[in-house]
Amino acid sequence: MRKIDKSTILSKVYKQWEEQLEASASKHPKYTSSNFRYFDDIKMNLFHCQNGLCAYTEKRLCPEGYGSENWNDGRYTSNIPDSIGHLEHFDESLKVNKAWLWDNLFMVLEKVNDQKSNDPINNILKPDHHEYDENALLAYNHEEHIFFANVDNPNLTEDQRKSIDKMIITLGINKVKSFRKQYILSKIFILQKGFPHEPITEYPTAFEMTKRNLGLV
């Protein structure tokens, strides 16, 4: 799960509306999913920031349509592309009063959102947090194809490692391990054989960590 930069705001009309709510300490309208007037603006702006990938698993959710050319006057104006995934509230407790808070929203794989634990959230694995660094916090087992807390980082305390491992479960980061394994193995095979290969289109963190584990960097 790589760091996500959500500072590029293309859906400016939505963001101005959200900032006005926050400035006045007003309660957000009830969460109505895709019926909300800015839903598509939020969804596609998140896909733009996430490069069309699930924020947690990095499985590709949206193949196209999230380039900046699809916005006009602060609104998403193109046809909505075929995609999968749900709009996810990182901290579920904010959904009641701050349902449309930009800082709390990501696009994620449907089964990750549906099965997400109700355990308390720890920002240690919030992918857009200013202190988040996947290489410092996470490690990857390229044989089992699972992420786990980086035990080789001496700056992490035992409590922090436990928090990371718990959040890996909460966010469902390893729920796609069979798909991730198939994809990574095929790309590594091509790399090891020295064949020309296409750009990595999903699971980039797992791919880069696998290359490093195998000394292919």
N, C-alpha and C. Protein backbone atom coordinates (compact mmCIF):
# COMPACT_ATOMS: atom_id res chain seq x y z
N MET A 1 0.85 -1.19 0.00
CA MET A 1 0.00 0.00 0.00
C MET A 1 0.89 1.24 0.00
N ARG A 2 0.92 1.95 -1.12
CA ARG A 2 1.81 3.09 -1.24
C ARG A 2 1.16 4.38 -0.72
N LYS A 3 1.97 5.39 -0.51
CA LYS A 3 1.48 6.69 -0.06
C LYS A 3 0.65 7.33 -1.16
N ILE A 4 -0.46 7.95 -0.79
CA ILE A 4 -1.36 8.59 -1.74
C ILE A 4 -1.37 10.10 -1.48
N ASP A 5 -1.15 10.86 -2.54
CA ASP A 5 -1.19 12.32 -2.47
C ASP A 5 -2.57 12.78 -2.92
N LYS A 6 -3.36 13.29 -1.99
CA LYS A 6 -4.73 13.74 -2.31
C LYS A 6 -4.82 15.25 -2.42
N SER A 7 -3.68 15.91 -2.66
CA SER A 7 -3.67 17.38 -2.70
C SER A 7 -4.17 17.95 -4.02
N THR A 8 -4.23 17.13 -5.08
CA THR A 8 -4.70 17.62 -6.37
C THR A 8 -6.23 17.58 -6.39
N ILE A 9 -6.84 18.75 -6.31
CA ILE A 9 -8.30 18.85 -6.28
C ILE A 9 -8.79 19.31 -7.65
N LEU A 10 -9.40 18.39 -8.38
CA LEU A 10 -10.00 18.71 -9.68
C LEU A 10 -11.48 19.02 -9.52
N SER A 11 -12.11 18.39 -8.55
CA SER A 11 -13.53 18.62 -8.29
C SER A 11 -13.68 19.80 -7.33
N LYS A 12 -13.37 20.98 -7.85
CA LYS A 12 -13.28 22.18 -7.03
C LYS A 12 -14.63 22.63 -6.46
N VAL A 13 -15.70 22.39 -7.21
CA VAL A 13 -17.02 22.79 -6.72
C VAL A 13 -17.38 22.01 -5.46
N TYR A 14 -17.16 20.70 -5.52
CA TYR A 14 -17.39 19.86 -4.33
C TYR A 14 -16.50 20.31 -3.18
N LYS A 15 -15.21 20.53 -3.44
CA LYS A 15 -14.27 20.83 -2.37
C LYS A 15 -14.59 22.16 -1.72
N GLN A 16 -15.01 23.15 -2.48
CA GLN A 16 -15.41 24.44 -1.89
C GLN A 16 -16.62 24.26 -1.00
N TRP A 17 -17.56 23.43 -1.43
CA TRP A 17 -18.76 23.13 -0.62
C TRP A 17 -18.36 22.44 0.68
N GLU A 18 -17.44 21.46 0.58
CA GLU A 18 -16.99 20.73 1.77
C GLU A 18 -16.26 21.65 2.73
N GLU A 19 -15.42 22.53 2.21
CA GLU A 19 -14.67 23.44 3.07
C GLU A 19 -15.58 24.45 3.76
N GLN A 20 -16.64 24.85 3.10
CA GLN A 20 -17.61 25.75 3.72
C GLN A 20 -18.33 25.06 4.89
N LEU A 21 -18.66 23.79 4.71
CA LEU A 21 -19.27 23.03 5.80
C LEU A 21 -18.33 22.95 6.99
N GLU A 22 -17.07 22.65 6.71
CA GLU A 22 -16.10 22.51 7.78
C GLU A 22 -15.84 23.85 8.48
N ALA A 23 -15.77 24.91 7.71
CA ALA A 23 -15.51 26.23 8.29
C ALA A 23 -16.63 26.67 9.22
N SER A 24 -17.86 26.27 8.89
CA SER A 24 -19.01 26.65 9.71
C SER A 24 -19.38 25.58 10.74
N ALA A 25 -18.56 24.53 10.81
CA ALA A 25 -18.80 23.42 11.73
C ALA A 25 -20.20 22.82 11.55
N SER A 26 -20.64 22.76 10.30
CA SER A 26 -21.97 22.23 10.00
C SER A 26 -21.93 20.71 9.82
N LYS A 27 -23.03 20.07 10.16
CA LYS A 27 -23.15 18.63 9.95
C LYS A 27 -23.31 18.36 8.46
N HIS A 28 -22.63 17.34 7.97
CA HIS A 28 -22.72 16.99 6.56
C HIS A 28 -24.07 16.33 6.26
N PRO A 29 -24.55 16.44 5.02
CA PRO A 29 -25.76 15.71 4.63
C PRO A 29 -25.56 14.22 4.83
N LYS A 30 -26.63 13.50 5.04
CA LYS A 30 -26.58 12.06 5.26
C LYS A 30 -25.93 11.37 4.06
N TYR A 31 -25.16 10.33 4.36
CA TYR A 31 -24.50 9.58 3.29
C TYR A 31 -25.53 8.83 2.46
N THR A 32 -25.58 9.15 1.17
CA THR A 32 -26.57 8.54 0.27
C THR A 32 -25.89 7.86 -0.91
N SER A 33 -24.63 7.57 -0.78
CA SER A 33 -23.88 6.89 -1.82
C SER A 33 -23.99 7.62 -3.15
N SER A 34 -24.27 6.89 -4.22
CA SER A 34 -24.22 7.48 -5.56
C SER A 34 -25.35 8.46 -5.84
N ASN A 35 -26.33 8.58 -4.93
CA ASN A 35 -27.42 9.54 -5.13
C ASN A 35 -27.00 10.97 -4.81
N PHE A 36 -25.85 11.13 -4.17
CA PHE A 36 -25.38 12.45 -3.77
C PHE A 36 -24.88 13.23 -4.98
N ARG A 37 -25.15 14.53 -5.03
CA ARG A 37 -24.89 15.32 -6.23
C ARG A 37 -23.40 15.41 -6.57
N TYR A 38 -22.52 15.26 -5.60
CA TYR A 38 -21.09 15.34 -5.87
C TYR A 38 -20.41 13.97 -5.85
N PHE A 39 -21.19 12.91 -5.82
CA PHE A 39 -20.60 11.58 -5.68
C PHE A 39 -19.60 11.27 -6.80
N ASP A 40 -19.99 11.49 -8.04
CA ASP A 40 -19.11 11.19 -9.16
C ASP A 40 -17.87 12.08 -9.16
N ASP A 41 -18.03 13.32 -8.74
CA ASP A 41 -16.89 14.23 -8.64
C ASP A 41 -15.87 13.71 -7.63
N ILE A 42 -16.37 13.24 -6.49
CA ILE A 42 -15.50 12.70 -5.45
C ILE A 42 -14.84 11.41 -5.92
N LYS A 43 -15.66 10.51 -6.43
CA LYS A 43 -15.17 9.21 -6.89
C LYS A 43 -14.05 9.35 -7.92
N MET A 44 -14.28 10.17 -8.94
CA MET A 44 -13.30 10.27 -10.02
C MET A 44 -12.06 11.05 -9.58
N ASN A 45 -12.22 12.00 -8.68
CA ASN A 45 -11.05 12.72 -8.17
C ASN A 45 -10.18 11.78 -7.33
N LEU A 46 -10.83 10.89 -6.57
CA LEU A 46 -10.07 9.90 -5.81
C LEU A 46 -9.34 8.94 -6.74
N PHE A 47 -10.01 8.50 -7.80
CA PHE A 47 -9.34 7.64 -8.77
C PHE A 47 -8.15 8.36 -9.40
N HIS A 48 -8.29 9.67 -9.62
CA HIS A 48 -7.17 10.45 -10.15
C HIS A 48 -5.99 10.39 -9.19
N CYS A 49 -6.25 10.60 -7.90
CA CYS A 49 -5.19 10.59 -6.90
C CYS A 49 -4.61 9.20 -6.70
N GLN A 50 -5.43 8.18 -6.84
CA GLN A 50 -5.02 6.80 -6.59
C GLN A 50 -4.57 6.08 -7.87
N ASN A 51 -4.54 6.80 -8.97
CA ASN A 51 -4.15 6.22 -10.25
C ASN A 51 -5.04 5.03 -10.63
N GLY A 52 -6.30 5.10 -10.26
CA GLY A 52 -7.26 4.07 -10.62
C GLY A 52 -7.17 2.81 -9.78
N LEU A 53 -6.33 2.80 -8.74
CA LEU A 53 -6.12 1.60 -7.93
C LEU A 53 -6.88 1.67 -6.61
N CYS A 54 -7.14 0.50 -6.03
CA CYS A 54 -7.69 0.45 -4.67
C CYS A 54 -6.67 1.08 -3.73
N ALA A 55 -7.13 1.93 -2.83
CA ALA A 55 -6.22 2.63 -1.93
C ALA A 55 -5.46 1.69 -1.02
N TYR A 56 -6.05 0.53 -0.69
CA TYR A 56 -5.44 -0.39 0.27
C TYR A 56 -4.74 -1.57 -0.41
N THR A 57 -5.44 -2.26 -1.32
CA THR A 57 -4.89 -3.48 -1.94
C THR A 57 -4.10 -3.20 -3.21
N GLU A 58 -4.30 -2.05 -3.82
CA GLU A 58 -3.68 -1.66 -5.09
C GLU A 58 -4.14 -2.51 -6.27
N LYS A 59 -5.26 -3.19 -6.13
CA LYS A 59 -5.88 -3.84 -7.28
C LYS A 59 -6.50 -2.77 -8.17
N ARG A 60 -6.40 -2.92 -9.49
CA ARG A 60 -6.95 -1.91 -10.39
C ARG A 60 -8.47 -1.94 -10.33
N LEU A 61 -9.06 -0.75 -10.08
CA LEU A 61 -10.51 -0.60 -10.01
C LEU A 61 -11.07 0.16 -11.20
N CYS A 62 -10.28 1.10 -11.72
CA CYS A 62 -10.75 1.96 -12.81
C CYS A 62 -9.65 2.05 -13.86
N PRO A 63 -9.90 1.60 -15.09
CA PRO A 63 -8.85 1.57 -16.10
C PRO A 63 -8.62 2.90 -16.84
N GLU A 64 -9.59 3.81 -16.77
CA GLU A 64 -9.49 5.01 -17.59
C GLU A 64 -10.43 6.09 -17.06
N GLY A 65 -10.33 7.28 -17.68
CA GLY A 65 -11.31 8.33 -17.40
C GLY A 65 -11.01 9.21 -16.22
N TYR A 66 -9.84 9.04 -15.58
CA TYR A 66 -9.54 9.86 -14.40
C TYR A 66 -8.45 10.89 -14.66
N GLY A 67 -8.11 11.10 -15.93
CA GLY A 67 -7.16 12.15 -16.28
C GLY A 67 -7.77 13.53 -16.09
N SER A 68 -6.95 14.53 -15.87
CA SER A 68 -7.43 15.88 -15.57
C SER A 68 -8.25 16.49 -16.70
N GLU A 69 -8.09 15.99 -17.93
CA GLU A 69 -8.84 16.52 -19.07
C GLU A 69 -10.34 16.23 -18.98
N ASN A 70 -10.75 15.40 -18.03
CA ASN A 70 -12.16 15.02 -17.90
C ASN A 70 -12.94 15.96 -16.98
N TRP A 71 -12.30 17.00 -16.47
CA TRP A 71 -12.96 17.98 -15.62
C TRP A 71 -13.11 19.31 -16.35
N ASN A 72 -14.18 20.00 -16.04
CA ASN A 72 -14.41 21.33 -16.60
C ASN A 72 -15.10 22.20 -15.55
N ASP A 73 -14.53 23.36 -15.29
CA ASP A 73 -15.09 24.30 -14.30
C ASP A 73 -15.34 23.63 -12.96
N GLY A 74 -14.41 22.79 -12.54
CA GLY A 74 -14.49 22.19 -11.21
C GLY A 74 -15.45 21.04 -11.07
N ARG A 75 -15.98 20.51 -12.18
CA ARG A 75 -16.88 19.36 -12.14
C ARG A 75 -16.39 18.28 -13.10
N TYR A 76 -16.66 17.03 -12.77
CA TYR A 76 -16.33 15.94 -13.68
C TYR A 76 -17.40 15.93 -14.76
N THR A 77 -17.00 16.08 -16.01
CA THR A 77 -17.97 16.29 -17.08
C THR A 77 -17.98 15.17 -18.12
N SER A 78 -17.09 14.19 -18.03
CA SER A 78 -17.08 13.09 -18.99
C SER A 78 -18.04 11.99 -18.55
N ASN A 79 -18.29 11.04 -19.45
CA ASN A 79 -19.08 9.87 -19.09
C ASN A 79 -18.33 9.06 -18.03
N ILE A 80 -19.05 8.59 -17.04
CA ILE A 80 -18.42 7.81 -15.98
C ILE A 80 -17.96 6.47 -16.54
N PRO A 81 -16.68 6.15 -16.44
CA PRO A 81 -16.17 4.89 -17.00
C PRO A 81 -16.61 3.69 -16.17
N ASP A 82 -16.58 2.52 -16.79
CA ASP A 82 -16.85 1.29 -16.05
C ASP A 82 -15.75 1.09 -15.00
N SER A 83 -16.15 0.81 -13.79
CA SER A 83 -15.18 0.61 -12.73
C SER A 83 -15.81 -0.25 -11.65
N ILE A 84 -14.99 -0.73 -10.75
CA ILE A 84 -15.48 -1.45 -9.58
C ILE A 84 -14.99 -0.71 -8.35
N GLY A 85 -15.52 -1.07 -7.20
CA GLY A 85 -15.06 -0.44 -5.97
C GLY A 85 -16.13 0.37 -5.28
N HIS A 86 -15.88 0.65 -4.02
CA HIS A 86 -16.78 1.42 -3.18
C HIS A 86 -16.08 2.66 -2.64
N LEU A 87 -16.88 3.70 -2.37
CA LEU A 87 -16.38 4.86 -1.66
C LEU A 87 -16.27 4.48 -0.19
N GLU A 88 -15.07 4.60 0.34
CA GLU A 88 -14.76 4.09 1.68
C GLU A 88 -14.49 5.22 2.66
N HIS A 89 -15.07 5.10 3.86
CA HIS A 89 -14.78 6.02 4.95
C HIS A 89 -13.69 5.38 5.82
N PHE A 90 -12.50 5.95 5.79
CA PHE A 90 -11.38 5.37 6.54
C PHE A 90 -11.76 5.23 8.01
N ASP A 91 -12.23 6.29 8.59
CA ASP A 91 -12.72 6.26 9.98
C ASP A 91 -14.24 6.24 9.92
N GLU A 92 -14.82 5.07 10.14
CA GLU A 92 -16.27 4.89 10.01
C GLU A 92 -17.06 5.78 10.96
N SER A 93 -16.46 6.16 12.10
CA SER A 93 -17.17 6.97 13.07
C SER A 93 -17.49 8.37 12.55
N LEU A 94 -16.76 8.82 11.52
CA LEU A 94 -17.00 10.14 10.96
C LEU A 94 -18.14 10.15 9.95
N LYS A 95 -18.64 8.98 9.60
CA LYS A 95 -19.65 8.88 8.55
C LYS A 95 -20.97 9.55 8.95
N VAL A 96 -21.27 9.59 10.21
CA VAL A 96 -22.55 10.14 10.67
C VAL A 96 -22.62 11.64 10.47
N ASN A 97 -21.61 12.37 10.92
CA ASN A 97 -21.65 13.83 10.88
C ASN A 97 -20.76 14.46 9.80
N LYS A 98 -19.79 13.68 9.29
CA LYS A 98 -18.86 14.21 8.28
C LYS A 98 -18.74 13.21 7.13
N ALA A 99 -19.88 12.84 6.56
CA ALA A 99 -19.94 11.77 5.56
C ALA A 99 -19.16 12.09 4.29
N TRP A 100 -18.98 13.37 3.99
CA TRP A 100 -18.37 13.75 2.72
C TRP A 100 -17.03 14.47 2.91
N LEU A 101 -16.38 14.18 4.02
CA LEU A 101 -15.10 14.79 4.34
C LEU A 101 -14.00 14.21 3.45
N TRP A 102 -13.38 15.05 2.64
CA TRP A 102 -12.38 14.61 1.68
C TRP A 102 -11.24 13.84 2.34
N ASP A 103 -10.79 14.30 3.48
CA ASP A 103 -9.67 13.69 4.18
C ASP A 103 -9.95 12.25 4.58
N ASN A 104 -11.21 11.87 4.70
CA ASN A 104 -11.58 10.55 5.22
C ASN A 104 -12.01 9.57 4.14
N LEU A 105 -11.95 9.97 2.87
CA LEU A 105 -12.51 9.15 1.79
C LEU A 105 -11.44 8.55 0.88
N PHE A 106 -11.70 7.30 0.48
CA PHE A 106 -10.86 6.60 -0.49
C PHE A 106 -11.76 5.72 -1.35
N MET A 107 -11.26 5.32 -2.52
CA MET A 107 -11.92 4.30 -3.32
C MET A 107 -11.22 2.98 -3.07
N VAL A 108 -12.01 1.95 -2.72
CA VAL A 108 -11.42 0.66 -2.38
C VAL A 108 -12.20 -0.48 -3.02
N LEU A 109 -11.58 -1.63 -3.06
CA LEU A 109 -12.21 -2.84 -3.56
C LEU A 109 -13.47 -3.14 -2.77
N GLU A 110 -14.52 -3.56 -3.45
CA GLU A 110 -15.83 -3.77 -2.82
C GLU A 110 -15.76 -4.71 -1.63
N LYS A 111 -15.11 -5.86 -1.78
CA LYS A 111 -15.09 -6.83 -0.68
C LYS A 111 -14.28 -6.33 0.51
N VAL A 112 -13.32 -5.46 0.25
CA VAL A 112 -12.56 -4.85 1.35
C VAL A 112 -13.47 -3.94 2.17
N ASN A 113 -14.27 -3.14 1.47
CA ASN A 113 -15.19 -2.24 2.15
C ASN A 113 -16.27 -3.01 2.89
N ASP A 114 -16.81 -4.06 2.27
CA ASP A 114 -17.88 -4.84 2.87
C ASP A 114 -17.43 -5.60 4.11
N GLN A 115 -16.18 -6.05 4.10
CA GLN A 115 -15.69 -6.90 5.18
C GLN A 115 -14.81 -6.16 6.18
N LYS A 116 -14.71 -4.85 6.00
CA LYS A 116 -13.83 -4.09 6.88
C LYS A 116 -14.28 -4.20 8.33
N SER A 117 -13.32 -4.43 9.17
CA SER A 117 -13.60 -4.59 10.59
C SER A 117 -14.09 -3.28 11.20
N ASN A 118 -14.89 -3.40 12.25
CA ASN A 118 -15.35 -2.22 12.99
C ASN A 118 -14.41 -1.87 14.14
N ASP A 119 -13.24 -2.51 14.14
CA ASP A 119 -12.26 -2.19 15.18
C ASP A 119 -11.83 -0.73 15.07
N PRO A 120 -11.37 -0.14 16.17
CA PRO A 120 -10.90 1.25 16.11
C PRO A 120 -9.80 1.41 15.07
N ILE A 121 -9.83 2.56 14.40
CA ILE A 121 -8.87 2.85 13.34
C ILE A 121 -7.62 3.51 13.92
N ASN A 122 -6.48 3.10 13.38
CA ASN A 122 -5.21 3.70 13.75
C ASN A 122 -4.62 4.37 12.51
N ASN A 123 -4.29 5.63 12.60
CA ASN A 123 -3.78 6.38 11.45
C ASN A 123 -2.40 5.95 11.00
N ILE A 124 -1.79 5.00 11.68
CA ILE A 124 -0.44 4.58 11.31
C ILE A 124 -0.39 4.03 9.89
N LEU A 125 -1.51 3.48 9.38
CA LEU A 125 -1.57 3.01 7.99
C LEU A 125 -2.60 3.78 7.17
N LYS A 126 -2.80 5.05 7.49
CA LYS A 126 -3.65 5.89 6.65
C LYS A 126 -2.79 6.35 5.47
N PRO A 127 -3.11 5.91 4.25
CA PRO A 127 -2.17 6.09 3.14
C PRO A 127 -1.90 7.52 2.71
N ASP A 128 -2.75 8.47 3.10
CA ASP A 128 -2.47 9.86 2.75
C ASP A 128 -1.94 10.66 3.94
N HIS A 129 -1.68 9.98 5.04
CA HIS A 129 -1.16 10.68 6.22
C HIS A 129 0.25 11.19 5.94
N HIS A 130 0.55 12.37 6.45
CA HIS A 130 1.83 13.00 6.11
C HIS A 130 3.03 12.19 6.59
N GLU A 131 2.86 11.34 7.60
CA GLU A 131 3.96 10.54 8.12
C GLU A 131 4.00 9.13 7.52
N TYR A 132 3.05 8.81 6.68
CA TYR A 132 3.01 7.45 6.14
C TYR A 132 4.15 7.20 5.17
N ASP A 133 4.85 6.09 5.37
CA ASP A 133 5.96 5.69 4.49
C ASP A 133 5.91 4.17 4.39
N GLU A 134 5.46 3.65 3.25
CA GLU A 134 5.28 2.21 3.12
C GLU A 134 6.57 1.42 3.33
N ASN A 135 7.70 1.99 2.93
CA ASN A 135 8.96 1.27 3.06
C ASN A 135 9.45 1.21 4.50
N ALA A 136 9.05 2.17 5.31
CA ALA A 136 9.43 2.17 6.72
C ALA A 136 8.49 1.29 7.54
N LEU A 137 7.24 1.24 7.15
CA LEU A 137 6.23 0.57 7.97
C LEU A 137 5.94 -0.87 7.55
N LEU A 138 6.06 -1.15 6.26
CA LEU A 138 5.65 -2.45 5.73
C LEU A 138 6.80 -3.24 5.16
N ALA A 139 6.65 -4.56 5.18
CA ALA A 139 7.55 -5.48 4.47
C ALA A 139 6.67 -6.45 3.71
N TYR A 140 7.27 -7.14 2.73
CA TYR A 140 6.48 -8.04 1.88
C TYR A 140 7.15 -9.40 1.79
N ASN A 141 6.38 -10.44 2.08
CA ASN A 141 6.84 -11.82 1.93
C ASN A 141 6.52 -12.25 0.50
N HIS A 142 7.54 -12.32 -0.36
CA HIS A 142 7.30 -12.59 -1.78
C HIS A 142 7.07 -14.07 -2.07
N GLU A 143 7.14 -14.92 -1.06
CA GLU A 143 6.81 -16.32 -1.23
C GLU A 143 5.34 -16.59 -0.88
N GLU A 144 4.88 -15.97 0.19
CA GLU A 144 3.48 -16.10 0.57
C GLU A 144 2.62 -14.97 0.00
N HIS A 145 3.27 -13.92 -0.47
CA HIS A 145 2.62 -12.75 -1.07
C HIS A 145 1.67 -12.05 -0.10
N ILE A 146 2.22 -11.75 1.07
CA ILE A 146 1.48 -11.01 2.08
C ILE A 146 2.36 -9.89 2.63
N PHE A 147 1.70 -8.80 3.03
CA PHE A 147 2.36 -7.70 3.72
C PHE A 147 2.33 -7.97 5.23
N PHE A 148 3.33 -7.44 5.92
CA PHE A 148 3.38 -7.52 7.38
C PHE A 148 4.19 -6.34 7.89
N ALA A 149 4.17 -6.11 9.18
CA ALA A 149 4.91 -4.99 9.76
C ALA A 149 6.41 -5.18 9.52
N ASN A 150 7.10 -4.10 9.25
CA ASN A 150 8.53 -4.13 8.95
C ASN A 150 9.32 -4.36 10.24
N VAL A 151 9.64 -5.62 10.49
CA VAL A 151 10.35 -5.97 11.73
C VAL A 151 11.82 -5.55 11.67
N ASP A 152 12.31 -5.20 10.49
CA ASP A 152 13.71 -4.79 10.36
C ASP A 152 13.92 -3.30 10.61
N ASN A 153 12.83 -2.58 10.82
CA ASN A 153 12.94 -1.15 11.10
C ASN A 153 13.13 -0.93 12.60
N PRO A 154 14.33 -0.54 13.03
CA PRO A 154 14.59 -0.39 14.47
C PRO A 154 13.83 0.78 15.10
N ASN A 155 13.28 1.64 14.27
CA ASN A 155 12.57 2.80 14.80
C ASN A 155 11.13 2.48 15.17
N LEU A 156 10.66 1.28 14.81
CA LEU A 156 9.30 0.88 15.16
C LEU A 156 9.31 0.15 16.50
N THR A 157 8.43 0.57 17.40
CA THR A 157 8.30 -0.12 18.67
C THR A 157 7.45 -1.39 18.47
N GLU A 158 7.46 -2.26 19.46
CA GLU A 158 6.65 -3.48 19.37
C GLU A 158 5.17 -3.14 19.28
N ASP A 159 4.74 -2.11 20.01
CA ASP A 159 3.33 -1.69 19.95
C ASP A 159 2.98 -1.18 18.56
N GLN A 160 3.88 -0.45 17.94
CA GLN A 160 3.63 0.05 16.59
C GLN A 160 3.53 -1.11 15.59
N ARG A 161 4.40 -2.10 15.73
CA ARG A 161 4.34 -3.27 14.84
C ARG A 161 3.01 -3.99 15.00
N LYS A 162 2.55 -4.12 16.22
CA LYS A 162 1.26 -4.76 16.47
C LYS A 162 0.13 -3.96 15.84
N SER A 163 0.22 -2.63 15.95
CA SER A 163 -0.80 -1.76 15.35
C SER A 163 -0.81 -1.90 13.84
N ILE A 164 0.38 -2.00 13.24
CA ILE A 164 0.47 -2.15 11.78
C ILE A 164 -0.15 -3.47 11.35
N ASP A 165 0.21 -4.56 12.02
CA ASP A 165 -0.34 -5.87 11.66
C ASP A 165 -1.86 -5.91 11.83
N LYS A 166 -2.35 -5.24 12.85
CA LYS A 166 -3.80 -5.18 13.06
C LYS A 166 -4.48 -4.37 11.97
N MET A 167 -3.86 -3.26 11.57
CA MET A 167 -4.45 -2.44 10.51
C MET A 167 -4.38 -3.12 9.14
N ILE A 168 -3.36 -3.94 8.91
CA ILE A 168 -3.28 -4.71 7.67
C ILE A 168 -4.52 -5.60 7.55
N ILE A 169 -4.93 -6.19 8.67
CA ILE A 169 -6.14 -7.02 8.68
C ILE A 169 -7.38 -6.16 8.51
N THR A 170 -7.46 -5.06 9.25
CA THR A 170 -8.63 -4.18 9.21
C THR A 170 -8.87 -3.64 7.80
N LEU A 171 -7.81 -3.25 7.11
CA LEU A 171 -7.94 -2.66 5.78
C LEU A 171 -8.00 -3.70 4.67
N GLY A 172 -7.82 -4.96 5.02
CA GLY A 172 -7.94 -6.02 4.02
C GLY A 172 -6.82 -6.03 3.00
N ILE A 173 -5.64 -5.55 3.37
CA ILE A 173 -4.54 -5.40 2.42
C ILE A 173 -4.12 -6.74 1.81
N ASN A 174 -4.28 -7.83 2.56
CA ASN A 174 -3.87 -9.14 2.05
C ASN A 174 -5.02 -9.98 1.49
N LYS A 175 -6.19 -9.37 1.34
CA LYS A 175 -7.34 -10.12 0.84
C LYS A 175 -7.23 -10.46 -0.65
N VAL A 176 -6.30 -9.85 -1.34
CA VAL A 176 -6.13 -10.11 -2.78
C VAL A 176 -4.85 -10.89 -3.06
N LYS A 177 -4.34 -11.60 -2.08
CA LYS A 177 -3.00 -12.19 -2.22
C LYS A 177 -2.92 -13.18 -3.39
N SER A 178 -3.99 -13.91 -3.68
CA SER A 178 -3.93 -14.87 -4.79
C SER A 178 -3.84 -14.15 -6.13
N PHE A 179 -4.60 -13.05 -6.29
CA PHE A 179 -4.52 -12.25 -7.51
C PHE A 179 -3.17 -11.56 -7.62
N ARG A 180 -2.72 -11.04 -6.47
CA ARG A 180 -1.44 -10.32 -6.42
C ARG A 180 -0.28 -11.28 -6.76
N LYS A 181 -0.34 -12.48 -6.22
CA LYS A 181 0.70 -13.48 -6.48
C LYS A 181 0.81 -13.78 -7.97
N GLN A 182 -0.33 -14.02 -8.60
CA GLN A 182 -0.33 -14.35 -10.02
C GLN A 182 0.26 -13.22 -10.85
N TYR A 183 -0.14 -12.00 -10.53
CA TYR A 183 0.34 -10.83 -11.28
C TYR A 183 1.84 -10.62 -11.06
N ILE A 184 2.27 -10.63 -9.79
CA ILE A 184 3.67 -10.36 -9.47
C ILE A 184 4.59 -11.43 -10.07
N LEU A 185 4.21 -12.69 -9.96
CA LEU A 185 5.04 -13.77 -10.48
C LEU A 185 5.23 -13.65 -11.99
N SER A 186 4.16 -13.27 -12.68
CA SER A 186 4.27 -13.13 -14.14
C SER A 186 5.21 -12.00 -14.51
N LYS A 187 5.16 -10.90 -13.77
CA LYS A 187 6.02 -9.75 -14.06
C LYS A 187 7.48 -10.03 -13.68
N ILE A 188 7.68 -10.73 -12.57
CA ILE A 188 9.04 -11.06 -12.14
C ILE A 188 9.68 -12.04 -13.11
N PHE A 189 8.91 -12.99 -13.62
CA PHE A 189 9.42 -13.95 -14.60
C PHE A 189 9.95 -13.22 -15.83
N ILE A 190 9.16 -12.27 -16.33
CA ILE A 190 9.58 -11.49 -17.50
C ILE A 190 10.84 -10.70 -17.20
N LEU A 191 10.89 -10.11 -16.00
CA LEU A 191 12.05 -9.31 -15.59
C LEU A 191 13.30 -10.17 -15.50
N GLN A 192 13.18 -11.35 -14.89
CA GLN A 192 14.34 -12.23 -14.72
C GLN A 192 14.86 -12.77 -16.05
N LYS A 193 13.95 -12.96 -17.00
CA LYS A 193 14.34 -13.46 -18.32
C LYS A 193 14.89 -12.36 -19.23
N GLY A 194 14.75 -11.12 -18.78
CA GLY A 194 15.25 -10.02 -19.57
C GLY A 194 14.39 -9.66 -20.77
N PHE A 195 13.13 -10.14 -20.76
CA PHE A 195 12.23 -9.83 -21.86
C PHE A 195 11.67 -8.42 -21.70
N PRO A 196 11.27 -7.77 -22.79
CA PRO A 196 10.59 -6.47 -22.69
C PRO A 196 9.28 -6.64 -21.91
N HIS A 197 8.98 -5.69 -21.08
CA HIS A 197 7.75 -5.80 -20.30
C HIS A 197 7.00 -4.48 -20.29
N GLU A 198 5.70 -4.58 -20.16
CA GLU A 198 4.85 -3.40 -20.10
C GLU A 198 4.90 -2.79 -18.71
N PRO A 199 4.49 -1.53 -18.56
CA PRO A 199 4.48 -0.90 -17.24
C PRO A 199 3.61 -1.66 -16.24
N ILE A 200 3.97 -1.56 -14.98
CA ILE A 200 3.19 -2.18 -13.91
C ILE A 200 1.90 -1.39 -13.73
N THR A 201 0.76 -2.05 -13.85
CA THR A 201 -0.52 -1.36 -13.80
C THR A 201 -1.29 -1.59 -12.50
N GLU A 202 -0.83 -2.51 -11.66
CA GLU A 202 -1.44 -2.71 -10.34
C GLU A 202 -0.42 -3.37 -9.41
N TYR A 203 -0.70 -3.33 -8.12
CA TYR A 203 0.17 -3.89 -7.09
C TYR A 203 1.61 -3.36 -7.16
N PRO A 204 1.81 -2.07 -7.37
CA PRO A 204 3.18 -1.54 -7.53
C PRO A 204 4.05 -1.68 -6.28
N THR A 205 3.45 -1.56 -5.09
CA THR A 205 4.26 -1.67 -3.87
C THR A 205 4.78 -3.09 -3.70
N ALA A 206 3.92 -4.08 -3.90
CA ALA A 206 4.34 -5.48 -3.79
C ALA A 206 5.39 -5.80 -4.84
N PHE A 207 5.24 -5.26 -6.03
CA PHE A 207 6.20 -5.52 -7.09
C PHE A 207 7.57 -4.95 -6.75
N GLU A 208 7.61 -3.70 -6.29
CA GLU A 208 8.89 -3.07 -5.96
C GLU A 208 9.56 -3.77 -4.78
N MET A 209 8.77 -4.19 -3.80
CA MET A 209 9.36 -4.88 -2.65
C MET A 209 9.85 -6.26 -3.02
N THR A 210 9.15 -6.94 -3.93
CA THR A 210 9.60 -8.25 -4.41
C THR A 210 10.90 -8.11 -5.17
N LYS A 211 11.00 -7.10 -6.02
CA LYS A 211 12.27 -6.85 -6.73
C LYS A 211 13.41 -6.64 -5.75
N ARG A 212 13.16 -5.87 -4.72
CA ARG A 212 14.19 -5.59 -3.72
C ARG A 212 14.56 -6.87 -2.96
N ASN A 213 13.57 -7.67 -2.60
CA ASN A 213 13.83 -8.93 -1.90
C ASN A 213 14.70 -9.86 -2.72
N LEU A 214 14.49 -9.86 -4.03
CA LEU A 214 15.20 -10.77 -4.91
C LEU A 214 16.49 -10.17 -5.49
N GLY A 215 16.80 -8.95 -5.09
CA GLY A 215 18.01 -8.30 -5.58
C GLY A 215 17.94 -7.92 -7.03
N LEU A 216 16.74 -7.56 -7.50
CA LEU A 216 16.54 -7.21 -8.91
C LEU A 216 16.47 -5.71 -9.13
N VAL A 217 16.68 -4.95 -8.10
CA VAL A 217 16.59 -3.49 -8.22
C VAL A 217 17.81 -2.94 -8.95
